[in-house]
């Protein structure tokens, strides 16, 4: 059967203070907290999902906030930048908005056919706001950012690699991405669904250290369980160490590392975040998978209380 990747499904990163993380992504970037659950492998820790109104694939940034985590470092073998799409002409508004909250950022700069504004979140995670024409995805209109300037979803991710060629071969030869351009040490690939991947070749870069302020993994979209099973079989056939298919409640997942070291996931679009909450109240309550419900009282006693508002913590 045909195996298809429909672009980026989600990006998962590591944070420290959970309240500061919520404050920044809802109050500054204007994303919606669409699911508040726990790390299924470490249920004493939150797992936050941010996205558009319904948390559509291609808009979802997720975090494991470990309050005692050390800061990581960016380098080779990592997804080093996460980029969001904003409307063309909106970066002037974003500069004023970020300045109002005291968020450090760089001056906008051109790149390919886009304009890019770089900033960091409170733990030092590198983010970009990328302004270009043609993104007709509907933003979440219930947040603090006016709809005409609001984030539309992911623009793409940037991978930093010692050997960009071997990673490029996986992107094109396995995942079916299309190479679309080159700018200095940056190679661009169309990942589908309006998203892209940039691979930066940096043979002298230090190896990245995964911890707070770094991306844990990048997930690619597949439309259903049948195609995911086909991907699982193909990865095994090609000699990749791939995880079993895992039930993440809101999607099903498999994980593998590309040769440069970046952890990839292939995640199904369904069942989605409205599986256990209506759209109107997404992210309001702590949601646990059935196998953790008997532990709810203990888990809730461990987790710090979280409020969604517009307060913003300082940067790392």
C-alpha atoms as a PDB file:
ATOM      1  CA  UNK A   1       0.000   0.000   0.000  1.00  0.00           C
ATOM      2  CA  UNK A   2       0.993   3.631  -0.416  1.00  0.00           C
ATOM      3  CA  UNK A   3       2.545   5.169   2.673  1.00  0.00           C
ATOM      4  CA  UNK A   4       2.033   8.899   3.042  1.00  0.00           C
ATOM      5  CA  UNK A   5       3.457  11.535   5.350  1.00  0.00           C
ATOM      6  CA  UNK A   6       1.144  14.544   5.599  1.00  0.00           C
ATOM      7  CA  UNK A   7       3.657  16.930   7.157  1.00  0.00           C
ATOM      8  CA  UNK A   8       4.427  17.621  10.800  1.00  0.00           C
ATOM      9  CA  UNK A   9       1.978  16.127  13.300  1.00  0.00           C
ATOM     10  CA  UNK A  10       3.495  17.602  16.462  1.00  0.00           C
ATOM     11  CA  UNK A  11       6.748  18.637  18.098  1.00  0.00           C
ATOM     12  CA  UNK A  12       7.510  17.662  21.706  1.00  0.00           C
ATOM     13  CA  UNK A  13       9.970  19.592  23.857  1.00  0.00           C
ATOM     14  CA  UNK A  14      11.174  19.698  27.466  1.00  0.00           C
ATOM     15  CA  UNK A  15      10.512  22.524  29.917  1.00  0.00           C
ATOM     16  CA  UNK A  16      11.023  23.244  33.606  1.00  0.00           C
ATOM     17  CA  UNK A  17       8.375  25.302  35.399  1.00  0.00           C
ATOM     18  CA  UNK A  18       4.905  24.192  34.198  1.00  0.00           C
ATOM     19  CA  UNK A  19       3.115  27.437  35.066  1.00  0.00           C
ATOM     20  CA  UNK A  20       5.701  29.551  33.300  1.00  0.00           C
ATOM     21  CA  UNK A  21       5.412  27.285  30.271  1.00  0.00           C
ATOM     22  CA  UNK A  22       1.618  27.710  30.174  1.00  0.00           C
ATOM     23  CA  UNK A  23       1.915  31.470  30.660  1.00  0.00           C
ATOM     24  CA  UNK A  24       4.287  31.853  27.732  1.00  0.00           C
ATOM     25  CA  UNK A  25       2.578  29.634  25.170  1.00  0.00           C
ATOM     26  CA  UNK A  26      -0.969  30.769  25.916  1.00  0.00           C
ATOM     27  CA  UNK A  27      -0.341  34.357  27.055  1.00  0.00           C
ATOM     28  CA  UNK A  28       2.443  35.371  24.655  1.00  0.00           C
ATOM     29  CA  UNK A  29       2.240  33.099  21.611  1.00  0.00           C
ATOM     30  CA  UNK A  30      -1.539  32.894  21.897  1.00  0.00           C
ATOM     31  CA  UNK A  31      -1.837  29.131  21.466  1.00  0.00           C
ATOM     32  CA  UNK A  32      -4.645  27.177  23.066  1.00  0.00           C
ATOM     33  CA  UNK A  33      -3.940  24.626  25.785  1.00  0.00           C
ATOM     34  CA  UNK A  34      -5.926  21.810  24.185  1.00  0.00           C
ATOM     35  CA  UNK A  35      -4.969  18.973  26.505  1.00  0.00           C
ATOM     36  CA  UNK A  36      -3.683  18.749  30.050  1.00  0.00           C
ATOM     37  CA  UNK A  37      -2.576  15.229  30.823  1.00  0.00           C
ATOM     38  CA  UNK A  38       0.496  13.455  32.189  1.00  0.00           C
ATOM     39  CA  UNK A  39       3.576  11.847  30.761  1.00  0.00           C
ATOM     40  CA  UNK A  40       2.354   8.253  30.439  1.00  0.00           C
ATOM     41  CA  UNK A  41       5.880   6.995  31.213  1.00  0.00           C
ATOM     42  CA  UNK A  42       6.288   9.354  34.192  1.00  0.00           C
ATOM     43  CA  UNK A  43       2.769  10.143  35.478  1.00  0.00           C
ATOM     44  CA  UNK A  44       4.020  12.476  38.200  1.00  0.00           C
ATOM     45  CA  UNK A  45       4.786  14.957  35.401  1.00  0.00           C
ATOM     46  CA  UNK A  46       2.412  16.969  33.242  1.00  0.00           C
ATOM     47  CA  UNK A  47       2.175  16.648  29.484  1.00  0.00           C
ATOM     48  CA  UNK A  48       0.801  19.835  27.917  1.00  0.00           C
ATOM     49  CA  UNK A  49      -0.489  20.096  24.341  1.00  0.00           C
ATOM     50  CA  UNK A  50      -0.872  23.509  22.663  1.00  0.00           C
ATOM     51  CA  UNK A  51      -2.407  24.148  19.267  1.00  0.00           C
ATOM     52  CA  UNK A  52      -5.254  25.733  17.373  1.00  0.00           C
ATOM     53  CA  UNK A  53      -8.867  25.604  18.557  1.00  0.00           C
ATOM     54  CA  UNK A  54      -9.157  21.823  18.167  1.00  0.00           C
ATOM     55  CA  UNK A  55      -5.483  20.844  18.265  1.00  0.00           C
ATOM     56  CA  UNK A  56      -5.373  19.825  14.623  1.00  0.00           C
ATOM     57  CA  UNK A  57      -2.278  17.889  13.524  1.00  0.00           C
ATOM     58  CA  UNK A  58       0.261  20.372  12.212  1.00  0.00           C
ATOM     59  CA  UNK A  59      -0.431  22.882  15.009  1.00  0.00           C
ATOM     60  CA  UNK A  60       0.495  20.890  18.136  1.00  0.00           C
ATOM     61  CA  UNK A  61       3.481  21.768  20.305  1.00  0.00           C
ATOM     62  CA  UNK A  62       3.730  19.599  23.408  1.00  0.00           C
ATOM     63  CA  UNK A  63       5.849  19.778  26.558  1.00  0.00           C
ATOM     64  CA  UNK A  64       7.083  17.590  29.354  1.00  0.00           C
ATOM     65  CA  UNK A  65       7.691  20.110  32.182  1.00  0.00           C
ATOM     66  CA  UNK A  66      10.142  18.695  34.716  1.00  0.00           C
ATOM     67  CA  UNK A  67      10.653  21.388  37.395  1.00  0.00           C
ATOM     68  CA  UNK A  68      14.043  20.004  38.492  1.00  0.00           C
ATOM     69  CA  UNK A  69      15.409  19.495  34.971  1.00  0.00           C
ATOM     70  CA  UNK A  70      18.737  21.009  34.042  1.00  0.00           C
ATOM     71  CA  UNK A  71      19.046  23.117  30.911  1.00  0.00           C
ATOM     72  CA  UNK A  72      20.093  21.301  27.764  1.00  0.00           C
ATOM     73  CA  UNK A  73      22.255  22.616  24.947  1.00  0.00           C
ATOM     74  CA  UNK A  74      21.563  22.912  21.244  1.00  0.00           C
ATOM     75  CA  UNK A  75      23.788  21.107  18.777  1.00  0.00           C
ATOM     76  CA  UNK A  76      24.187  18.332  16.242  1.00  0.00           C
ATOM     77  CA  UNK A  77      21.724  15.461  16.285  1.00  0.00           C
ATOM     78  CA  UNK A  78      18.790  17.646  17.332  1.00  0.00           C
ATOM     79  CA  UNK A  79      15.802  19.529  16.024  1.00  0.00           C
ATOM     80  CA  UNK A  80      17.255  22.903  17.013  1.00  0.00           C
ATOM     81  CA  UNK A  81      14.531  25.323  15.853  1.00  0.00           C
ATOM     82  CA  UNK A  82      10.731  25.079  15.834  1.00  0.00           C
ATOM     83  CA  UNK A  83       9.061  27.486  13.407  1.00  0.00           C
ATOM     84  CA  UNK A  84       5.491  28.792  13.437  1.00  0.00           C
ATOM     85  CA  UNK A  85       3.621  30.332  10.528  1.00  0.00           C
ATOM     86  CA  UNK A  86       2.136  33.813  10.953  1.00  0.00           C
ATOM     87  CA  UNK A  87       0.471  36.013   8.322  1.00  0.00           C
ATOM     88  CA  UNK A  88       2.551  38.031   5.908  1.00  0.00           C
ATOM     89  CA  UNK A  89       3.103  41.560   7.201  1.00  0.00           C
ATOM     90  CA  UNK A  90       2.450  40.686  10.846  1.00  0.00           C
ATOM     91  CA  UNK A  91       5.986  40.742  12.255  1.00  0.00           C
ATOM     92  CA  UNK A  92       5.796  44.438  13.166  1.00  0.00           C
ATOM     93  CA  UNK A  93       2.862  43.657  15.442  1.00  0.00           C
ATOM     94  CA  UNK A  94       4.747  40.695  16.916  1.00  0.00           C
ATOM     95  CA  UNK A  95       7.792  42.831  17.714  1.00  0.00           C
ATOM     96  CA  UNK A  96       5.644  45.258  19.717  1.00  0.00           C
ATOM     97  CA  UNK A  97       3.853  42.357  21.398  1.00  0.00           C
ATOM     98  CA  UNK A  98       7.079  40.607  22.426  1.00  0.00           C
ATOM     99  CA  UNK A  99       8.594  43.888  23.625  1.00  0.00           C
ATOM    100  CA  UNK A 100       5.532  44.512  25.793  1.00  0.00           C
ATOM    101  CA  UNK A 101       6.211  41.233  27.596  1.00  0.00           C
ATOM    102  CA  UNK A 102       9.980  41.750  27.759  1.00  0.00           C
ATOM    103  CA  UNK A 103      10.727  38.777  25.477  1.00  0.00           C
ATOM    104  CA  UNK A 104      14.151  38.933  23.834  1.00  0.00           C
ATOM    105  CA  UNK A 105      14.110  38.509  20.084  1.00  0.00           C
ATOM    106  CA  UNK A 106      16.217  39.177  17.027  1.00  0.00           C
ATOM    107  CA  UNK A 107      15.383  41.651  14.276  1.00  0.00           C
ATOM    108  CA  UNK A 108      13.401  40.138  11.390  1.00  0.00           C
ATOM    109  CA  UNK A 109      15.485  38.905   8.473  1.00  0.00           C
ATOM    110  CA  UNK A 110      14.710  37.543   5.001  1.00  0.00           C
ATOM    111  CA  UNK A 111      15.231  33.865   4.144  1.00  0.00           C
ATOM    112  CA  UNK A 112      14.147  32.271   0.891  1.00  0.00           C
ATOM    113  CA  UNK A 113      10.709  33.859   0.184  1.00  0.00           C
ATOM    114  CA  UNK A 114       9.882  34.503   3.846  1.00  0.00           C
ATOM    115  CA  UNK A 115      10.592  36.884   6.712  1.00  0.00           C
ATOM    116  CA  UNK A 116      11.790  35.349   9.978  1.00  0.00           C
ATOM    117  CA  UNK A 117      11.690  36.562  13.592  1.00  0.00           C
ATOM    118  CA  UNK A 118      13.706  34.462  16.078  1.00  0.00           C
ATOM    119  CA  UNK A 119      13.021  34.301  19.813  1.00  0.00           C
ATOM    120  CA  UNK A 120      13.442  31.949  22.779  1.00  0.00           C
ATOM    121  CA  UNK A 121      10.917  30.606  25.247  1.00  0.00           C
ATOM    122  CA  UNK A 122      11.514  30.811  29.040  1.00  0.00           C
ATOM    123  CA  UNK A 123      13.780  27.734  28.956  1.00  0.00           C
ATOM    124  CA  UNK A 124      15.764  28.812  25.909  1.00  0.00           C
ATOM    125  CA  UNK A 125      13.924  26.763  23.285  1.00  0.00           C
ATOM    126  CA  UNK A 126      14.621  28.369  19.918  1.00  0.00           C
ATOM    127  CA  UNK A 127      11.470  29.453  18.089  1.00  0.00           C
ATOM    128  CA  UNK A 128      10.786  31.282  14.845  1.00  0.00           C
ATOM    129  CA  UNK A 129       7.795  33.241  13.639  1.00  0.00           C
ATOM    130  CA  UNK A 130       7.828  32.948   9.850  1.00  0.00           C
ATOM    131  CA  UNK A 131       5.761  35.384   7.806  1.00  0.00           C
ATOM    132  CA  UNK A 132       4.865  34.437   4.259  1.00  0.00           C
ATOM    133  CA  UNK A 133       1.855  34.478   2.002  1.00  0.00           C
ATOM    134  CA  UNK A 134      -0.424  31.536   1.329  1.00  0.00           C
ATOM    135  CA  UNK A 135      -1.183  29.949   4.705  1.00  0.00           C
ATOM    136  CA  UNK A 136      -4.988  29.834   4.844  1.00  0.00           C
ATOM    137  CA  UNK A 137      -5.291  27.766   8.048  1.00  0.00           C
ATOM    138  CA  UNK A 138      -7.699  29.272  10.534  1.00  0.00           C
ATOM    139  CA  UNK A 139      -6.105  30.448  13.795  1.00  0.00           C
ATOM    140  CA  UNK A 140      -7.535  30.129  17.265  1.00  0.00           C
ATOM    141  CA  UNK A 141      -9.564  33.265  17.840  1.00  0.00           C
ATOM    142  CA  UNK A 142     -10.143  32.838  21.582  1.00  0.00           C
ATOM    143  CA  UNK A 143      -6.679  33.846  22.744  1.00  0.00           C
ATOM    144  CA  UNK A 144      -4.921  37.152  23.417  1.00  0.00           C
ATOM    145  CA  UNK A 145      -3.473  37.501  19.899  1.00  0.00           C
ATOM    146  CA  UNK A 146      -5.750  39.106  17.283  1.00  0.00           C
ATOM    147  CA  UNK A 147      -6.730  36.661  14.549  1.00  0.00           C
ATOM    148  CA  UNK A 148      -5.115  38.753  11.815  1.00  0.00           C
ATOM    149  CA  UNK A 149      -1.708  38.229  13.452  1.00  0.00           C
ATOM    150  CA  UNK A 150      -2.175  34.864  15.171  1.00  0.00           C
ATOM    151  CA  UNK A 151      -0.122  31.710  14.701  1.00  0.00           C
ATOM    152  CA  UNK A 152      -1.554  29.425  12.008  1.00  0.00           C
ATOM    153  CA  UNK A 153       0.385  26.298  12.940  1.00  0.00           C
ATOM    154  CA  UNK A 154       3.817  24.953  12.179  1.00  0.00           C
ATOM    155  CA  UNK A 155       5.912  26.343   9.378  1.00  0.00           C
ATOM    156  CA  UNK A 156       8.614  23.736   9.939  1.00  0.00           C
ATOM    157  CA  UNK A 157      11.547  22.491  11.948  1.00  0.00           C
ATOM    158  CA  UNK A 158      15.304  22.824  11.564  1.00  0.00           C
ATOM    159  CA  UNK A 159      17.615  19.851  12.119  1.00  0.00           C
ATOM    160  CA  UNK A 160      21.314  20.414  12.835  1.00  0.00           C
ATOM    161  CA  UNK A 161      23.507  17.565  11.603  1.00  0.00           C
ATOM    162  CA  UNK A 162      27.184  16.673  11.371  1.00  0.00           C
ATOM    163  CA  UNK A 163      26.502  14.847   8.101  1.00  0.00           C
ATOM    164  CA  UNK A 164      23.477  16.391   6.374  1.00  0.00           C
ATOM    165  CA  UNK A 165      23.669  13.974   3.469  1.00  0.00           C
ATOM    166  CA  UNK A 166      22.699  10.852   5.415  1.00  0.00           C
ATOM    167  CA  UNK A 167      19.756  12.651   7.024  1.00  0.00           C
ATOM    168  CA  UNK A 168      18.705  14.060   3.640  1.00  0.00           C
ATOM    169  CA  UNK A 169      18.630  10.527   2.238  1.00  0.00           C
ATOM    170  CA  UNK A 170      16.211   9.453   4.974  1.00  0.00           C
ATOM    171  CA  UNK A 171      13.979  12.472   4.380  1.00  0.00           C
ATOM    172  CA  UNK A 172      13.743  11.894   0.631  1.00  0.00           C
ATOM    173  CA  UNK A 173      14.365   8.159   0.202  1.00  0.00           C
ATOM    174  CA  UNK A 174      12.287   6.937   3.157  1.00  0.00           C
ATOM    175  CA  UNK A 175       9.796   9.626   4.158  1.00  0.00           C
ATOM    176  CA  UNK A 176       9.212  10.907   0.623  1.00  0.00           C
ATOM    177  CA  UNK A 177      10.011  14.565   1.260  1.00  0.00           C
ATOM    178  CA  UNK A 178      10.982  16.733  -1.699  1.00  0.00           C
ATOM    179  CA  UNK A 179      14.178  18.786  -1.760  1.00  0.00           C
ATOM    180  CA  UNK A 180      13.191  22.335  -2.722  1.00  0.00           C
ATOM    181  CA  UNK A 181      16.150  24.636  -2.135  1.00  0.00           C
ATOM    182  CA  UNK A 182      19.540  25.393  -0.675  1.00  0.00           C
ATOM    183  CA  UNK A 183      20.832  28.516   1.040  1.00  0.00           C
ATOM    184  CA  UNK A 184      24.377  28.392   2.366  1.00  0.00           C
ATOM    185  CA  UNK A 185      24.588  25.414   4.718  1.00  0.00           C
ATOM    186  CA  UNK A 186      20.773  25.085   4.822  1.00  0.00           C
ATOM    187  CA  UNK A 187      18.963  22.483   2.700  1.00  0.00           C
ATOM    188  CA  UNK A 188      15.172  22.763   2.531  1.00  0.00           C
ATOM    189  CA  UNK A 189      12.662  19.943   2.092  1.00  0.00           C
ATOM    190  CA  UNK A 190       8.910  20.029   1.561  1.00  0.00           C
ATOM    191  CA  UNK A 191       7.465  17.715   4.226  1.00  0.00           C
ATOM    192  CA  UNK A 192       3.872  17.948   2.989  1.00  0.00           C
ATOM    193  CA  UNK A 193       0.840  19.581   4.546  1.00  0.00           C
ATOM    194  CA  UNK A 194       2.353  23.046   4.071  1.00  0.00           C
ATOM    195  CA  UNK A 195       5.280  22.267   6.388  1.00  0.00           C
ATOM    196  CA  UNK A 196       8.989  21.984   5.665  1.00  0.00           C
ATOM    197  CA  UNK A 197      12.209  20.653   7.144  1.00  0.00           C
ATOM    198  CA  UNK A 198      15.510  22.506   6.954  1.00  0.00           C
ATOM    199  CA  UNK A 199      18.710  20.538   7.470  1.00  0.00           C
ATOM    200  CA  UNK A 200      21.763  22.552   8.479  1.00  0.00           C
ATOM    201  CA  UNK A 201      25.131  20.916   7.970  1.00  0.00           C
ATOM    202  CA  UNK A 202      27.456  21.785  10.836  1.00  0.00           C
ATOM    203  CA  UNK A 203      30.384  19.316  11.027  1.00  0.00           C
ATOM    204  CA  UNK A 204      32.048  21.257  13.878  1.00  0.00           C
ATOM    205  CA  UNK A 205      28.938  21.650  16.049  1.00  0.00           C
ATOM    206  CA  UNK A 206      28.992  20.068  19.507  1.00  0.00           C
ATOM    207  CA  UNK A 207      26.617  17.198  20.111  1.00  0.00           C
ATOM    208  CA  UNK A 208      23.322  18.567  21.444  1.00  0.00           C
ATOM    209  CA  UNK A 209      22.361  17.636  24.990  1.00  0.00           C
ATOM    210  CA  UNK A 210      18.692  16.889  25.527  1.00  0.00           C
ATOM    211  CA  UNK A 211      17.140  18.520  28.603  1.00  0.00           C
ATOM    212  CA  UNK A 212      15.015  21.599  29.327  1.00  0.00           C
ATOM    213  CA  UNK A 213      14.941  24.039  26.427  1.00  0.00           C
ATOM    214  CA  UNK A 214      15.429  21.385  23.745  1.00  0.00           C
ATOM    215  CA  UNK A 215      13.183  19.397  21.421  1.00  0.00           C
ATOM    216  CA  UNK A 216      12.607  15.793  22.474  1.00  0.00           C
ATOM    217  CA  UNK A 217      11.203  14.552  19.158  1.00  0.00           C
ATOM    218  CA  UNK A 218       9.483  15.512  15.905  1.00  0.00           C
ATOM    219  CA  UNK A 219       6.341  13.626  14.873  1.00  0.00           C
ATOM    220  CA  UNK A 220       5.174  13.173  11.283  1.00  0.00           C
ATOM    221  CA  UNK A 221       1.565  12.681  10.231  1.00  0.00           C
ATOM    222  CA  UNK A 222       0.060   9.497   8.878  1.00  0.00           C
ATOM    223  CA  UNK A 223      -3.690   9.328   8.185  1.00  0.00           C
ATOM    224  CA  UNK A 224      -4.658   6.045   9.830  1.00  0.00           C
ATOM    225  CA  UNK A 225      -3.591   2.886  11.646  1.00  0.00           C
ATOM    226  CA  UNK A 226      -3.211   0.842   8.466  1.00  0.00           C
ATOM    227  CA  UNK A 227      -0.631   3.221   7.036  1.00  0.00           C
ATOM    228  CA  UNK A 228       1.155   3.381  10.368  1.00  0.00           C
ATOM    229  CA  UNK A 229       1.465  -0.408  10.393  1.00  0.00           C
ATOM    230  CA  UNK A 230       2.895  -0.195   6.886  1.00  0.00           C
ATOM    231  CA  UNK A 231       5.448   2.365   8.092  1.00  0.00           C
ATOM    232  CA  UNK A 232       6.352   0.089  11.001  1.00  0.00           C
ATOM    233  CA  UNK A 233       6.975  -2.823   8.654  1.00  0.00           C
ATOM    234  CA  UNK A 234       9.000  -0.666   6.257  1.00  0.00           C
ATOM    235  CA  UNK A 235      11.204   0.733   9.018  1.00  0.00           C
ATOM    236  CA  UNK A 236      11.924  -2.760  10.301  1.00  0.00           C
ATOM    237  CA  UNK A 237      12.661  -3.948   6.770  1.00  0.00           C
ATOM    238  CA  UNK A 238      15.210  -1.149   6.372  1.00  0.00           C
ATOM    239  CA  UNK A 239      16.953  -2.048   9.602  1.00  0.00           C
ATOM    240  CA  UNK A 240      15.752   0.778  11.855  1.00  0.00           C
ATOM    241  CA  UNK A 241      15.225   0.170  15.565  1.00  0.00           C
ATOM    242  CA  UNK A 242      11.558   1.114  15.802  1.00  0.00           C
ATOM    243  CA  UNK A 243       9.281   1.037  18.839  1.00  0.00           C
ATOM    244  CA  UNK A 244       6.102  -1.015  19.044  1.00  0.00           C
ATOM    245  CA  UNK A 245       2.906   0.835  18.143  1.00  0.00           C
ATOM    246  CA  UNK A 246       1.937   2.784  21.280  1.00  0.00           C
ATOM    247  CA  UNK A 247      -1.463   4.133  22.272  1.00  0.00           C
ATOM    248  CA  UNK A 248      -1.109   7.809  23.183  1.00  0.00           C
ATOM    249  CA  UNK A 249      -4.896   8.160  23.613  1.00  0.00           C
ATOM    250  CA  UNK A 250      -5.199  11.001  21.086  1.00  0.00           C
ATOM    251  CA  UNK A 251      -3.070   9.317  18.404  1.00  0.00           C
ATOM    252  CA  UNK A 252      -1.052   6.143  17.939  1.00  0.00           C
ATOM    253  CA  UNK A 253       2.730   6.376  17.711  1.00  0.00           C
ATOM    254  CA  UNK A 254       5.901   4.665  16.583  1.00  0.00           C
ATOM    255  CA  UNK A 255       9.396   6.035  17.240  1.00  0.00           C
ATOM    256  CA  UNK A 256      12.788   5.668  15.558  1.00  0.00           C
ATOM    257  CA  UNK A 257      16.018   7.668  15.240  1.00  0.00           C
ATOM    258  CA  UNK A 258      17.329   8.929  11.946  1.00  0.00           C
ATOM    259  CA  UNK A 259      21.074   8.278  11.413  1.00  0.00           C
ATOM    260  CA  UNK A 260      22.079  11.734  12.650  1.00  0.00           C
ATOM    261  CA  UNK A 261      20.434  11.131  16.018  1.00  0.00           C
ATOM    262  CA  UNK A 262      17.134  13.044  15.873  1.00  0.00           C
ATOM    263  CA  UNK A 263      14.229  11.102  17.360  1.00  0.00           C
ATOM    264  CA  UNK A 264      11.328  10.834  14.900  1.00  0.00           C
ATOM    265  CA  UNK A 265       7.774   9.693  15.539  1.00  0.00           C
ATOM    266  CA  UNK A 266       5.072   8.733  13.070  1.00  0.00           C
ATOM    267  CA  UNK A 267       1.674   9.554  14.595  1.00  0.00           C
ATOM    268  CA  UNK A 268      -1.862   8.936  13.354  1.00  0.00           C
ATOM    269  CA  UNK A 269      -4.251  11.843  12.812  1.00  0.00           C
ATOM    270  CA  UNK A 270      -7.161  10.178  14.669  1.00  0.00           C
ATOM    271  CA  UNK A 271      -8.720   9.953  17.162  1.00  0.00           C
ATOM    272  CA  UNK A 272      -7.842  13.553  18.106  1.00  0.00           C
ATOM    273  CA  UNK A 273      -8.220  15.674  21.232  1.00  0.00           C
ATOM    274  CA  UNK A 274     -12.015  15.741  21.299  1.00  0.00           C
ATOM    275  CA  UNK A 275     -11.991  12.041  22.179  1.00  0.00           C
ATOM    276  CA  UNK A 276     -12.568  12.829  25.859  1.00  0.00           C
ATOM    277  CA  UNK A 277     -13.504  16.557  25.921  1.00  0.00           C
ATOM    278  CA  UNK A 278     -15.759  18.747  23.790  1.00  0.00           C
ATOM    279  CA  UNK A 279     -14.110  21.496  21.753  1.00  0.00           C
ATOM    280  CA  UNK A 280     -15.532  24.191  24.034  1.00  0.00           C
ATOM    281  CA  UNK A 281     -13.708  22.920  27.141  1.00  0.00           C
ATOM    282  CA  UNK A 282     -10.513  21.420  25.702  1.00  0.00           C
ATOM    283  CA  UNK A 283      -7.642  21.601  28.167  1.00  0.00           C
ATOM    284  CA  UNK A 284      -9.822  22.467  31.148  1.00  0.00           C
ATOM    285  CA  UNK A 285      -9.504  19.258  33.159  1.00  0.00           C
ATOM    286  CA  UNK A 286      -6.694  16.840  33.870  1.00  0.00           C
ATOM    287  CA  UNK A 287      -7.215  13.874  31.576  1.00  0.00           C
ATOM    288  CA  UNK A 288      -5.743  10.483  32.437  1.00  0.00           C
ATOM    289  CA  UNK A 289      -5.670   7.294  30.387  1.00  0.00           C
ATOM    290  CA  UNK A 290      -7.850   4.458  31.721  1.00  0.00           C
ATOM    291  CA  UNK A 291      -4.893   2.574  33.215  1.00  0.00           C
ATOM    292  CA  UNK A 292      -4.022   5.595  35.416  1.00  0.00           C
ATOM    293  CA  UNK A 293      -7.533   6.523  36.592  1.00  0.00           C
ATOM    294  CA  UNK A 294      -7.180   4.445  39.748  1.00  0.00           C
ATOM    295  CA  UNK A 295      -4.165   6.619  40.613  1.00  0.00           C
ATOM    296  CA  UNK A 296      -5.932   9.951  39.999  1.00  0.00           C
ATOM    297  CA  UNK A 297      -5.992  11.119  43.622  1.00  0.00           C
ATOM    298  CA  UNK A 298      -2.295  10.421  44.103  1.00  0.00           C
ATOM    299  CA  UNK A 299      -1.328  11.999  40.772  1.00  0.00           C
ATOM    300  CA  UNK A 300      -3.370  15.137  41.399  1.00  0.00           C
ATOM    301  CA  UNK A 301      -1.745  15.500  44.826  1.00  0.00           C
ATOM    302  CA  UNK A 302       1.707  15.497  43.206  1.00  0.00           C
ATOM    303  CA  UNK A 303       1.078  17.817  40.279  1.00  0.00           C
ATOM    304  CA  UNK A 304       1.243  21.589  40.898  1.00  0.00           C
ATOM    305  CA  UNK A 305      -1.903  23.605  40.269  1.00  0.00           C
ATOM    306  CA  UNK A 306      -1.956  25.285  36.858  1.00  0.00           C
ATOM    307  CA  UNK A 307      -3.910  28.359  35.797  1.00  0.00           C
ATOM    308  CA  UNK A 308      -4.319  29.560  32.220  1.00  0.00           C
ATOM    309  CA  UNK A 309      -3.890  33.308  31.892  1.00  0.00           C
ATOM    310  CA  UNK A 310      -1.686  35.972  30.370  1.00  0.00           C
ATOM    311  CA  UNK A 311       1.060  36.145  33.007  1.00  0.00           C
ATOM    312  CA  UNK A 312       4.560  35.628  31.658  1.00  0.00           C
ATOM    313  CA  UNK A 313       7.684  34.371  33.384  1.00  0.00           C
ATOM    314  CA  UNK A 314      11.207  35.500  32.533  1.00  0.00           C
ATOM    315  CA  UNK A 315      13.503  33.730  30.139  1.00  0.00           C
ATOM    316  CA  UNK A 316      16.340  31.392  31.068  1.00  0.00           C
END
